[in-house]
C-alpha cells in the first residue's frame, strides 16, 4: 500500500463514512483500516486526517501508542513473545532470542518472505503459564528454547516450506 490505489482510497473513505456521526471516531476508523490492510502507513493517516479533520499528529500518536496498530505490514504469523516480569524471570528472553535466530529477524521486524513478524510484548496476562508466546491468537504456554524450532517448523510446514 506504499502508493494508495484508487480502490484503497475508496475503501478508506467508506470506512471513514461509517463513523461520520460518532463523536470520537478515530479508534474505530483505525481499527477497521488495520483489519482491512494489516497496517496504517502515513499516507493512510493523511487521508483519514483530511476526511475527519483530526490532525495527522494526533492520528500518528494513536497509531504508535497502541501496539495493535502497525505502521508497517505484518507477517501472516505474528509471533508475540511476552517479556513481562513473570515470563522474563522464567526465560522469555532466551525464547525470543531463539525465535529471532530461527526467523532471521529482530523483534519488530517481518521476515523477507512475509510469513513471520516477531513482536516483544510487555505482558499478555498469562503469568501463570510463563513464559508464554502467542501466534495469531494461539497461546503457547511454558515455552522452552528447545520447543521453539518445532513451533517454527509447524508454521513453515503449513505453508508447504521446509527448514
N, C-alpha and C. Protein backbone atom coordinates (compact mmCIF):
# COMPACT_ATOMS: atom_id res chain seq x y z
N UNK A 1 0.83 -1.19 0.00
CA UNK A 1 0.00 0.00 0.00
C UNK A 1 0.88 1.25 0.00
N UNK A 2 2.13 1.12 -0.43
CA UNK A 2 3.06 2.25 -0.43
C UNK A 2 2.44 3.44 -1.16
N UNK A 3 1.85 3.19 -2.30
CA UNK A 3 1.11 4.22 -3.02
C UNK A 3 -0.34 3.77 -3.04
N UNK A 4 -1.22 4.58 -2.52
CA UNK A 4 -2.62 4.16 -2.41
C UNK A 4 -3.28 4.02 -3.78
N UNK A 5 -3.86 2.87 -4.00
CA UNK A 5 -4.62 2.65 -5.23
C UNK A 5 -5.96 3.39 -5.11
N UNK A 6 -6.59 3.57 -6.24
CA UNK A 6 -7.91 4.22 -6.23
C UNK A 6 -8.89 3.41 -5.39
N UNK A 7 -8.80 2.07 -5.49
CA UNK A 7 -9.69 1.20 -4.73
C UNK A 7 -9.45 1.36 -3.22
N UNK A 8 -8.18 1.50 -2.83
CA UNK A 8 -7.86 1.68 -1.40
C UNK A 8 -8.42 3.01 -0.90
N UNK A 9 -8.29 4.05 -1.70
CA UNK A 9 -8.81 5.36 -1.30
C UNK A 9 -10.33 5.28 -1.11
N UNK A 10 -11.01 4.62 -2.04
CA UNK A 10 -12.46 4.45 -1.93
C UNK A 10 -12.81 3.69 -0.65
N UNK A 11 -12.10 2.60 -0.39
CA UNK A 11 -12.38 1.77 0.79
C UNK A 11 -12.14 2.55 2.08
N UNK A 12 -11.04 3.29 2.15
CA UNK A 12 -10.73 4.07 3.36
C UNK A 12 -11.77 5.17 3.55
N UNK A 13 -12.19 5.79 2.47
CA UNK A 13 -13.26 6.79 2.58
C UNK A 13 -14.56 6.16 3.08
N UNK A 14 -14.87 4.95 2.60
CA UNK A 14 -16.06 4.23 3.09
C UNK A 14 -15.96 3.97 4.59
N UNK A 15 -14.77 3.57 5.03
CA UNK A 15 -14.57 3.31 6.46
C UNK A 15 -14.78 4.59 7.26
N UNK A 16 -14.22 5.68 6.79
CA UNK A 16 -14.41 6.97 7.48
C UNK A 16 -15.88 7.37 7.52
N UNK A 17 -16.59 7.13 6.41
CA UNK A 17 -18.01 7.49 6.33
C UNK A 17 -18.87 6.70 7.32
N UNK A 18 -18.47 5.47 7.64
CA UNK A 18 -19.24 4.66 8.60
C UNK A 18 -19.38 5.35 9.96
N UNK A 19 -18.39 6.16 10.31
CA UNK A 19 -18.33 6.73 11.66
C UNK A 19 -18.51 8.25 11.66
N UNK A 20 -19.10 8.78 10.60
CA UNK A 20 -19.24 10.23 10.48
C UNK A 20 -20.08 10.83 11.61
N UNK A 21 -21.02 10.08 12.16
CA UNK A 21 -21.87 10.60 13.23
C UNK A 21 -21.34 10.30 14.63
N UNK A 22 -20.20 9.63 14.72
CA UNK A 22 -19.61 9.32 16.02
C UNK A 22 -18.87 10.55 16.57
N UNK A 23 -19.01 10.83 17.86
CA UNK A 23 -18.31 11.98 18.42
C UNK A 23 -16.78 11.78 18.47
N UNK A 24 -16.34 10.54 18.66
CA UNK A 24 -14.90 10.24 18.69
C UNK A 24 -14.64 9.00 17.82
N UNK A 25 -14.53 9.21 16.51
CA UNK A 25 -14.48 8.07 15.58
C UNK A 25 -13.09 7.45 15.34
N UNK A 26 -12.03 8.09 15.81
CA UNK A 26 -10.70 7.71 15.37
C UNK A 26 -10.33 6.25 15.62
N UNK A 27 -10.56 5.76 16.84
CA UNK A 27 -10.18 4.39 17.15
C UNK A 27 -10.94 3.39 16.27
N UNK A 28 -12.20 3.65 16.02
CA UNK A 28 -13.00 2.74 15.20
C UNK A 28 -12.51 2.76 13.74
N UNK A 29 -12.21 3.94 13.24
CA UNK A 29 -11.71 4.06 11.87
C UNK A 29 -10.37 3.33 11.73
N UNK A 30 -9.45 3.61 12.65
CA UNK A 30 -8.13 2.99 12.57
C UNK A 30 -8.21 1.48 12.73
N UNK A 31 -9.08 1.02 13.61
CA UNK A 31 -9.25 -0.41 13.82
C UNK A 31 -9.74 -1.08 12.53
N UNK A 32 -10.71 -0.49 11.88
CA UNK A 32 -11.24 -1.05 10.64
C UNK A 32 -10.17 -1.06 9.53
N UNK A 33 -9.39 0.01 9.46
CA UNK A 33 -8.33 0.07 8.45
C UNK A 33 -7.26 -0.98 8.74
N UNK A 34 -6.90 -1.13 10.01
CA UNK A 34 -5.90 -2.14 10.39
C UNK A 34 -6.40 -3.53 10.02
N UNK A 35 -7.69 -3.81 10.28
CA UNK A 35 -8.25 -5.13 9.94
C UNK A 35 -8.24 -5.34 8.42
N UNK A 36 -8.54 -4.30 7.68
CA UNK A 36 -8.64 -4.41 6.23
C UNK A 36 -7.28 -4.57 5.56
N UNK A 37 -6.28 -3.81 6.01
CA UNK A 37 -4.99 -3.78 5.31
C UNK A 37 -3.82 -4.34 6.10
N UNK A 38 -3.97 -4.48 7.41
CA UNK A 38 -2.90 -5.03 8.22
C UNK A 38 -1.91 -4.00 8.75
N UNK A 39 -2.03 -2.77 8.29
CA UNK A 39 -1.18 -1.70 8.80
C UNK A 39 -1.73 -0.34 8.38
N UNK A 40 -1.16 0.72 8.97
CA UNK A 40 -1.69 2.07 8.73
C UNK A 40 -0.51 3.01 8.44
N UNK A 41 -0.05 3.05 7.19
CA UNK A 41 1.08 3.92 6.84
C UNK A 41 0.70 5.39 6.86
N UNK A 42 1.70 6.24 6.78
CA UNK A 42 1.49 7.69 6.85
C UNK A 42 0.52 8.20 5.79
N UNK A 43 0.60 7.67 4.59
CA UNK A 43 -0.30 8.11 3.51
C UNK A 43 -1.77 7.88 3.89
N UNK A 44 -2.05 6.78 4.56
CA UNK A 44 -3.41 6.49 5.00
C UNK A 44 -3.80 7.43 6.13
N UNK A 45 -2.88 7.70 7.04
CA UNK A 45 -3.14 8.64 8.13
C UNK A 45 -3.48 10.02 7.58
N UNK A 46 -2.79 10.43 6.53
CA UNK A 46 -3.07 11.73 5.91
C UNK A 46 -4.47 11.77 5.31
N UNK A 47 -4.87 10.66 4.68
CA UNK A 47 -6.21 10.58 4.11
C UNK A 47 -7.28 10.63 5.20
N UNK A 48 -7.06 9.90 6.29
CA UNK A 48 -8.00 9.91 7.41
C UNK A 48 -8.08 11.33 8.00
N UNK A 49 -6.95 11.99 8.10
CA UNK A 49 -6.91 13.36 8.62
C UNK A 49 -7.75 14.29 7.74
N UNK A 50 -7.57 14.19 6.44
CA UNK A 50 -8.33 15.04 5.51
C UNK A 50 -9.83 14.77 5.61
N UNK A 51 -10.20 13.50 5.83
CA UNK A 51 -11.61 13.13 5.90
C UNK A 51 -12.27 13.50 7.22
N UNK A 52 -11.49 13.46 8.32
CA UNK A 52 -12.08 13.64 9.64
C UNK A 52 -11.78 14.99 10.29
N UNK A 53 -10.76 15.67 9.80
CA UNK A 53 -10.34 16.91 10.43
C UNK A 53 -9.45 16.70 11.65
N UNK A 54 -9.13 15.47 11.95
CA UNK A 54 -8.21 15.14 13.05
C UNK A 54 -6.79 15.29 12.52
N UNK A 55 -5.93 15.93 13.28
CA UNK A 55 -4.59 16.19 12.79
C UNK A 55 -3.80 14.89 12.58
N UNK A 56 -2.87 14.92 11.62
CA UNK A 56 -2.01 13.76 11.37
C UNK A 56 -1.20 13.46 12.63
N UNK A 57 -0.79 14.49 13.34
CA UNK A 57 -0.01 14.28 14.57
C UNK A 57 -0.80 13.47 15.60
N UNK A 58 -2.08 13.79 15.75
CA UNK A 58 -2.90 13.04 16.70
C UNK A 58 -3.11 11.60 16.23
N UNK A 59 -3.36 11.43 14.94
CA UNK A 59 -3.55 10.08 14.39
C UNK A 59 -2.27 9.26 14.56
N UNK A 60 -1.14 9.85 14.22
CA UNK A 60 0.15 9.16 14.36
C UNK A 60 0.40 8.79 15.82
N UNK A 61 0.05 9.68 16.72
CA UNK A 61 0.21 9.40 18.15
C UNK A 61 -0.60 8.19 18.58
N UNK A 62 -1.81 8.07 18.08
CA UNK A 62 -2.66 6.92 18.42
C UNK A 62 -2.10 5.64 17.81
N UNK A 63 -1.71 5.71 16.53
CA UNK A 63 -1.19 4.53 15.83
C UNK A 63 0.08 4.01 16.52
N UNK A 64 0.94 4.91 16.96
CA UNK A 64 2.19 4.47 17.57
C UNK A 64 2.05 4.13 19.05
N UNK A 65 1.01 4.61 19.70
CA UNK A 65 0.81 4.32 21.12
C UNK A 65 0.27 2.91 21.34
N UNK A 66 -0.70 2.51 20.55
CA UNK A 66 -1.35 1.21 20.74
C UNK A 66 -0.63 0.13 19.94
N UNK A 67 -0.25 -0.95 20.62
CA UNK A 67 0.54 -1.99 19.98
C UNK A 67 -0.22 -2.78 18.91
N UNK A 68 -1.55 -2.73 18.92
CA UNK A 68 -2.30 -3.49 17.93
C UNK A 68 -2.37 -2.76 16.59
N UNK A 69 -1.92 -1.50 16.54
CA UNK A 69 -1.81 -0.79 15.26
C UNK A 69 -0.36 -0.91 14.79
N UNK A 70 -0.17 -0.87 13.48
CA UNK A 70 1.17 -1.00 12.93
C UNK A 70 1.38 -0.02 11.79
N UNK A 71 2.59 0.52 11.71
CA UNK A 71 2.96 1.41 10.62
C UNK A 71 3.47 0.63 9.41
N UNK A 72 3.85 -0.62 9.64
CA UNK A 72 4.41 -1.47 8.59
C UNK A 72 3.58 -2.74 8.47
N UNK A 73 3.61 -3.36 7.30
CA UNK A 73 2.88 -4.62 7.15
C UNK A 73 3.41 -5.69 8.09
N UNK A 74 2.52 -6.49 8.62
CA UNK A 74 2.91 -7.60 9.50
C UNK A 74 2.88 -8.89 8.69
N UNK A 75 3.59 -9.88 9.22
CA UNK A 75 3.62 -11.18 8.56
C UNK A 75 2.30 -11.92 8.73
N UNK A 76 2.18 -13.00 8.00
CA UNK A 76 0.98 -13.84 8.11
C UNK A 76 0.85 -14.38 9.53
N UNK A 77 1.98 -14.70 10.15
CA UNK A 77 2.00 -15.21 11.52
C UNK A 77 2.72 -14.19 12.41
N UNK A 78 1.99 -13.62 13.35
CA UNK A 78 2.57 -12.65 14.28
C UNK A 78 2.92 -13.39 15.57
N UNK A 79 4.22 -13.48 15.82
CA UNK A 79 4.74 -14.18 16.99
C UNK A 79 4.95 -13.13 18.09
N UNK A 80 4.10 -13.17 19.11
CA UNK A 80 4.19 -12.22 20.22
C UNK A 80 4.80 -12.90 21.43
N UNK A 81 6.02 -12.52 21.76
CA UNK A 81 6.73 -13.10 22.91
C UNK A 81 6.57 -12.17 24.11
N UNK A 82 5.97 -12.69 25.15
CA UNK A 82 5.78 -11.89 26.36
C UNK A 82 7.11 -11.74 27.09
N UNK A 83 7.45 -10.49 27.40
CA UNK A 83 8.65 -10.20 28.18
C UNK A 83 8.29 -9.52 29.49
N UNK A 84 7.04 -9.73 29.94
CA UNK A 84 6.64 -9.21 31.24
C UNK A 84 7.47 -9.88 32.33
N UNK A 85 7.38 -9.38 33.53
CA UNK A 85 8.24 -9.85 34.62
C UNK A 85 8.21 -11.36 34.82
N UNK A 86 7.02 -11.95 34.95
CA UNK A 86 6.93 -13.39 35.20
C UNK A 86 7.54 -14.18 34.05
N UNK A 87 7.26 -13.80 32.82
CA UNK A 87 7.80 -14.51 31.66
C UNK A 87 9.32 -14.31 31.58
N UNK A 88 9.74 -13.08 31.81
CA UNK A 88 11.17 -12.78 31.72
C UNK A 88 11.98 -13.61 32.72
N UNK A 89 11.49 -13.67 33.96
CA UNK A 89 12.17 -14.41 35.01
C UNK A 89 12.26 -15.90 34.65
N UNK A 90 11.29 -16.39 33.90
CA UNK A 90 11.26 -17.82 33.56
C UNK A 90 11.88 -18.12 32.19
N UNK A 91 12.63 -17.16 31.63
CA UNK A 91 13.40 -17.45 30.42
C UNK A 91 12.86 -16.92 29.12
N UNK A 92 11.96 -15.95 29.16
CA UNK A 92 11.37 -15.42 27.93
C UNK A 92 12.40 -14.78 27.00
N UNK A 93 13.44 -14.17 27.56
CA UNK A 93 14.45 -13.53 26.71
C UNK A 93 15.14 -14.57 25.83
N UNK A 94 15.45 -15.71 26.41
CA UNK A 94 16.09 -16.78 25.62
C UNK A 94 15.13 -17.33 24.56
N UNK A 95 13.85 -17.38 24.88
CA UNK A 95 12.84 -17.86 23.93
C UNK A 95 12.74 -16.89 22.75
N UNK A 96 12.63 -15.61 23.01
CA UNK A 96 12.53 -14.64 21.91
C UNK A 96 13.82 -14.60 21.11
N UNK A 97 14.96 -14.78 21.78
CA UNK A 97 16.24 -14.83 21.06
C UNK A 97 16.27 -16.01 20.10
N UNK A 98 15.70 -17.14 20.50
CA UNK A 98 15.68 -18.33 19.64
C UNK A 98 14.76 -18.10 18.45
N UNK A 99 13.58 -17.51 18.68
CA UNK A 99 12.71 -17.16 17.56
C UNK A 99 13.44 -16.23 16.60
N UNK A 100 14.12 -15.23 17.14
CA UNK A 100 14.86 -14.27 16.34
C UNK A 100 15.92 -14.97 15.48
N UNK A 101 16.65 -15.87 16.09
CA UNK A 101 17.69 -16.62 15.38
C UNK A 101 17.09 -17.47 14.25
N UNK A 102 16.04 -18.21 14.54
CA UNK A 102 15.45 -19.11 13.56
C UNK A 102 14.73 -18.37 12.42
N UNK A 103 14.12 -17.24 12.75
CA UNK A 103 13.37 -16.49 11.74
C UNK A 103 14.25 -15.49 10.99
N UNK A 104 15.43 -15.21 11.54
CA UNK A 104 16.34 -14.26 10.90
C UNK A 104 15.89 -12.82 11.00
N UNK A 105 15.12 -12.52 12.04
CA UNK A 105 14.63 -11.15 12.24
C UNK A 105 14.74 -10.77 13.71
N UNK A 106 14.74 -9.48 13.96
CA UNK A 106 14.74 -8.96 15.32
C UNK A 106 13.30 -8.61 15.71
N UNK A 107 13.03 -8.48 17.01
CA UNK A 107 11.69 -8.03 17.42
C UNK A 107 11.31 -6.73 16.70
N UNK A 108 10.07 -6.69 16.23
CA UNK A 108 9.58 -5.53 15.50
C UNK A 108 9.75 -5.65 14.00
N UNK A 109 10.40 -6.74 13.55
CA UNK A 109 10.64 -6.92 12.12
C UNK A 109 9.77 -8.05 11.55
N UNK A 110 9.68 -8.06 10.22
CA UNK A 110 8.95 -9.09 9.49
C UNK A 110 9.91 -9.80 8.57
N UNK A 111 9.78 -11.12 8.49
CA UNK A 111 10.67 -11.90 7.63
C UNK A 111 10.49 -11.51 6.17
N UNK A 112 11.56 -11.69 5.39
CA UNK A 112 11.52 -11.30 3.97
C UNK A 112 10.42 -11.99 3.19
N UNK A 113 10.09 -13.23 3.59
CA UNK A 113 9.04 -13.96 2.87
C UNK A 113 7.64 -13.53 3.30
N UNK A 114 7.56 -12.61 4.27
CA UNK A 114 6.27 -12.10 4.72
C UNK A 114 5.50 -13.05 5.62
N UNK A 115 6.12 -14.15 6.02
CA UNK A 115 5.41 -15.13 6.84
C UNK A 115 5.35 -14.76 8.31
N UNK A 116 6.45 -14.24 8.85
CA UNK A 116 6.54 -14.04 10.30
C UNK A 116 6.87 -12.60 10.67
N UNK A 117 6.19 -12.12 11.71
CA UNK A 117 6.56 -10.88 12.38
C UNK A 117 6.84 -11.27 13.82
N UNK A 118 7.93 -10.76 14.37
CA UNK A 118 8.30 -11.05 15.74
C UNK A 118 8.08 -9.81 16.59
N UNK A 119 7.25 -9.92 17.61
CA UNK A 119 6.95 -8.80 18.49
C UNK A 119 7.31 -9.14 19.93
N UNK A 120 7.94 -8.19 20.60
CA UNK A 120 8.21 -8.31 22.03
C UNK A 120 7.07 -7.60 22.74
N UNK A 121 6.34 -8.34 23.58
CA UNK A 121 5.19 -7.78 24.28
C UNK A 121 5.52 -7.57 25.75
N UNK A 122 4.89 -6.61 26.37
CA UNK A 122 5.19 -6.31 27.77
C UNK A 122 4.51 -7.27 28.73
N UNK A 123 3.27 -7.58 28.53
CA UNK A 123 2.58 -8.54 29.38
C UNK A 123 1.30 -8.95 28.67
N UNK A 124 1.07 -10.25 28.59
CA UNK A 124 -0.15 -10.72 27.93
C UNK A 124 -1.13 -11.30 28.94
N UNK A 125 -0.82 -11.14 30.22
CA UNK A 125 -1.73 -11.60 31.27
C UNK A 125 -1.75 -13.10 31.45
N UNK A 126 -0.65 -13.75 31.08
CA UNK A 126 -0.58 -15.21 31.18
C UNK A 126 0.55 -15.60 32.14
N UNK A 127 0.67 -14.88 33.23
CA UNK A 127 1.78 -15.06 34.16
C UNK A 127 1.86 -16.48 34.74
N UNK A 128 0.72 -17.11 34.91
CA UNK A 128 0.69 -18.46 35.48
C UNK A 128 1.22 -19.54 34.55
N UNK A 129 1.36 -19.20 33.26
CA UNK A 129 1.87 -20.18 32.30
C UNK A 129 3.15 -19.66 31.63
N UNK A 130 3.88 -18.85 32.36
CA UNK A 130 5.10 -18.22 31.84
C UNK A 130 6.21 -19.24 31.61
N UNK A 131 7.04 -18.96 30.61
CA UNK A 131 6.95 -17.91 29.60
C UNK A 131 5.95 -18.28 28.50
N UNK A 132 5.21 -17.30 28.06
CA UNK A 132 4.14 -17.53 27.09
C UNK A 132 4.40 -16.76 25.79
N UNK A 133 3.96 -17.37 24.70
CA UNK A 133 4.05 -16.77 23.37
C UNK A 133 2.69 -16.92 22.71
N UNK A 134 2.29 -15.92 21.95
CA UNK A 134 1.07 -16.04 21.15
C UNK A 134 1.44 -15.99 19.68
N UNK A 135 0.76 -16.77 18.89
CA UNK A 135 0.91 -16.71 17.44
C UNK A 135 -0.50 -16.65 16.87
N UNK A 136 -0.84 -15.48 16.37
CA UNK A 136 -2.18 -15.23 15.81
C UNK A 136 -3.29 -15.70 16.74
N UNK A 137 -3.13 -15.42 18.02
CA UNK A 137 -4.17 -15.73 19.00
C UNK A 137 -4.03 -17.07 19.69
N UNK A 138 -3.18 -17.95 19.17
CA UNK A 138 -2.92 -19.23 19.84
C UNK A 138 -1.83 -19.02 20.88
N UNK A 139 -2.11 -19.44 22.11
CA UNK A 139 -1.15 -19.24 23.19
C UNK A 139 -0.33 -20.51 23.38
N UNK A 140 0.97 -20.32 23.44
CA UNK A 140 1.90 -21.43 23.72
C UNK A 140 2.44 -21.21 25.13
N UNK A 141 2.04 -22.06 26.09
CA UNK A 141 2.43 -21.87 27.49
C UNK A 141 3.75 -22.55 27.84
N UNK A 142 4.39 -22.03 28.87
CA UNK A 142 5.58 -22.64 29.47
C UNK A 142 6.60 -23.06 28.42
N UNK A 143 6.91 -22.13 27.52
CA UNK A 143 7.82 -22.45 26.43
C UNK A 143 9.26 -22.58 26.92
N UNK A 144 9.98 -23.44 26.24
CA UNK A 144 11.42 -23.57 26.46
C UNK A 144 12.10 -23.26 25.13
N UNK A 145 13.37 -22.96 25.19
CA UNK A 145 14.14 -22.70 23.98
C UNK A 145 14.07 -23.91 23.05
N UNK A 146 14.09 -25.10 23.63
CA UNK A 146 14.08 -26.33 22.84
C UNK A 146 12.76 -26.55 22.09
N UNK A 147 11.67 -25.93 22.53
CA UNK A 147 10.39 -26.12 21.85
C UNK A 147 10.19 -25.16 20.67
N UNK A 148 11.00 -24.13 20.59
CA UNK A 148 10.83 -23.11 19.56
C UNK A 148 11.03 -23.66 18.14
N UNK A 149 12.07 -24.45 17.86
CA UNK A 149 12.23 -24.95 16.48
C UNK A 149 11.02 -25.74 15.98
N UNK A 150 10.41 -26.53 16.81
CA UNK A 150 9.23 -27.30 16.41
C UNK A 150 8.05 -26.41 16.08
N UNK A 151 7.89 -25.34 16.84
CA UNK A 151 6.79 -24.40 16.59
C UNK A 151 6.99 -23.69 15.25
N UNK A 152 8.21 -23.22 15.02
CA UNK A 152 8.51 -22.55 13.75
C UNK A 152 8.31 -23.52 12.59
N UNK A 153 8.79 -24.75 12.74
CA UNK A 153 8.65 -25.76 11.69
C UNK A 153 7.18 -26.03 11.37
N UNK A 154 6.34 -26.06 12.40
CA UNK A 154 4.90 -26.31 12.21
C UNK A 154 4.28 -25.27 11.29
N UNK A 155 4.62 -23.99 11.51
CA UNK A 155 4.05 -22.92 10.69
C UNK A 155 4.65 -22.91 9.29
N UNK A 156 5.93 -23.23 9.19
CA UNK A 156 6.55 -23.29 7.85
C UNK A 156 5.97 -24.45 7.06
N UNK A 157 5.75 -25.59 7.71
CA UNK A 157 5.16 -26.74 7.02
C UNK A 157 3.75 -26.43 6.56
N UNK A 158 3.02 -25.64 7.33
CA UNK A 158 1.66 -25.25 6.94
C UNK A 158 1.69 -24.46 5.63
N UNK A 159 2.82 -23.84 5.35
CA UNK A 159 2.97 -23.05 4.13
C UNK A 159 3.62 -23.87 3.01
N UNK A 160 3.91 -25.15 3.31
CA UNK A 160 4.50 -26.02 2.29
C UNK A 160 6.00 -25.87 2.17
N UNK A 161 6.61 -25.19 3.13
CA UNK A 161 8.06 -25.00 3.07
C UNK A 161 8.77 -25.80 4.13
N UNK A 162 10.03 -26.06 3.89
CA UNK A 162 10.86 -26.77 4.87
C UNK A 162 11.70 -25.76 5.63
N UNK A 163 12.60 -26.25 6.47
CA UNK A 163 13.58 -25.50 7.26
C UNK A 163 13.35 -25.71 8.68
